[in-house]
Amino acid sequence: MALASFSAILCFTVQEDVVRASLGCVAVLSILVTLFFAPWALKLTLMAVPFGLERFYRLNQNAPMD
């Protein structure tokens, strides 16, 4: 996970396209490998957070502004 984070940060700071693309691929592959070996509880938590945030955002958008 640290490798994925470090690669993602470098991907946004590097200006050269080839290096940027390779760092992006390393970040994505590292995240996929990490999720493959992660326990089920962590996988479910990581999937539930975006859905919960989306639901919270939608509820706040539909709330009256009074």
C-alpha atoms as a PDB file:
ATOM      1  CA  MET A   1       0.000   0.000   0.000  1.00  0.00           C
ATOM      2  CA  ALA A   2       2.918   2.317   0.709  1.00  0.00           C
ATOM      3  CA  LEU A   3       4.343   1.588  -2.740  1.00  0.00           C
ATOM      4  CA  ALA A   4       1.003   2.441  -4.341  1.00  0.00           C
ATOM      5  CA  SER A   5       0.742   5.698  -2.398  1.00  0.00           C
ATOM      6  CA  PHE A   6       4.310   6.707  -3.215  1.00  0.00           C
ATOM      7  CA  SER A   7       3.828   5.887  -6.911  1.00  0.00           C
ATOM      8  CA  ALA A   8       0.576   7.842  -7.071  1.00  0.00           C
ATOM      9  CA  ILE A   9       2.162  10.912  -5.470  1.00  0.00           C
ATOM     10  CA  LEU A  10       5.120  10.772  -7.843  1.00  0.00           C
ATOM     11  CA  CYS A  11       2.762  10.251 -10.781  1.00  0.00           C
ATOM     12  CA  PHE A  12       1.197  13.652 -10.128  1.00  0.00           C
ATOM     13  CA  THR A  13       4.507  15.465  -9.613  1.00  0.00           C
ATOM     14  CA  VAL A  14       6.551  14.076 -12.532  1.00  0.00           C
ATOM     15  CA  GLN A  15       6.342  15.969 -15.826  1.00  0.00           C
ATOM     16  CA  GLU A  16       7.614  13.314 -18.265  1.00  0.00           C
ATOM     17  CA  ASP A  17       4.809  11.284 -19.853  1.00  0.00           C
ATOM     18  CA  VAL A  18       6.508   7.879 -20.004  1.00  0.00           C
ATOM     19  CA  VAL A  19       7.570   7.981 -16.369  1.00  0.00           C
ATOM     20  CA  ARG A  20       4.147   9.278 -15.378  1.00  0.00           C
ATOM     21  CA  ALA A  21       2.374   6.424 -17.173  1.00  0.00           C
ATOM     22  CA  SER A  22       4.660   3.784 -15.682  1.00  0.00           C
ATOM     23  CA  LEU A  23       4.187   5.172 -12.166  1.00  0.00           C
ATOM     24  CA  GLY A  24       0.430   5.149 -12.686  1.00  0.00           C
ATOM     25  CA  CYS A  25       0.559   1.502 -13.769  1.00  0.00           C
ATOM     26  CA  VAL A  26       2.684   0.586 -10.752  1.00  0.00           C
ATOM     27  CA  ALA A  27       0.212   2.346  -8.452  1.00  0.00           C
ATOM     28  CA  VAL A  28      -2.813   0.580  -9.947  1.00  0.00           C
ATOM     29  CA  LEU A  29      -1.147  -2.846  -9.928  1.00  0.00           C
ATOM     30  CA  SER A  30       0.017  -2.366  -6.338  1.00  0.00           C
ATOM     31  CA  ILE A  31      -3.494  -1.489  -5.204  1.00  0.00           C
ATOM     32  CA  LEU A  32      -4.957  -4.505  -7.005  1.00  0.00           C
ATOM     33  CA  VAL A  33      -2.392  -6.878  -5.486  1.00  0.00           C
ATOM     34  CA  THR A  34      -2.993  -5.374  -2.045  1.00  0.00           C
ATOM     35  CA  LEU A  35      -6.748  -5.817  -2.384  1.00  0.00           C
ATOM     36  CA  PHE A  36      -6.299  -9.391  -3.592  1.00  0.00           C
ATOM     37  CA  PHE A  37      -4.407 -10.367  -0.437  1.00  0.00           C
ATOM     38  CA  ALA A  38      -6.421  -8.203   1.978  1.00  0.00           C
ATOM     39  CA  PRO A  39      -8.865  -9.783   4.442  1.00  0.00           C
ATOM     40  CA  TRP A  40     -12.589  -9.689   3.623  1.00  0.00           C
ATOM     41  CA  ALA A  41     -13.374  -7.166   6.360  1.00  0.00           C
ATOM     42  CA  LEU A  42     -10.953  -4.654   4.876  1.00  0.00           C
ATOM     43  CA  LYS A  43     -12.309  -5.206   1.365  1.00  0.00           C
ATOM     44  CA  LEU A  44     -15.893  -4.650   2.521  1.00  0.00           C
ATOM     45  CA  THR A  45     -14.896  -1.530   4.430  1.00  0.00           C
ATOM     46  CA  LEU A  46     -13.074  -0.093   1.429  1.00  0.00           C
ATOM     47  CA  MET A  47     -16.114  -0.744  -0.760  1.00  0.00           C
ATOM     48  CA  ALA A  48     -18.619   0.625   1.766  1.00  0.00           C
ATOM     49  CA  VAL A  49     -16.912   3.987   2.296  1.00  0.00           C
ATOM     50  CA  PRO A  50     -17.441   5.361  -1.260  1.00  0.00           C
ATOM     51  CA  PHE A  51     -21.056   4.166  -1.307  1.00  0.00           C
ATOM     52  CA  GLY A  52     -21.692   5.739   2.092  1.00  0.00           C
ATOM     53  CA  LEU A  53     -20.121   9.019   1.018  1.00  0.00           C
ATOM     54  CA  GLU A  54     -22.207   9.059  -2.151  1.00  0.00           C
ATOM     55  CA  ARG A  55     -25.409   8.458  -0.204  1.00  0.00           C
ATOM     56  CA  PHE A  56     -24.458  11.179   2.304  1.00  0.00           C
ATOM     57  CA  TYR A  57     -23.708  13.601  -0.551  1.00  0.00           C
ATOM     58  CA  ARG A  58     -27.053  12.866  -2.234  1.00  0.00           C
ATOM     59  CA  LEU A  59     -28.967  13.335   1.017  1.00  0.00           C
ATOM     60  CA  ASN A  60     -27.295  16.710   1.553  1.00  0.00           C
ATOM     61  CA  GLN A  61     -28.066  17.801  -2.018  1.00  0.00           C
ATOM     62  CA  ASN A  62     -31.785  17.080  -1.564  1.00  0.00           C
ATOM     63  CA  ALA A  63     -32.018  18.751   1.848  1.00  0.00           C
ATOM     64  CA  PRO A  64     -33.831  22.120   1.987  1.00  0.00           C
ATOM     65  CA  MET A  65     -31.627  25.165   2.507  1.00  0.00           C
ATOM     66  CA  ASP A  66     -33.852  26.770   5.200  1.00  0.00           C
END
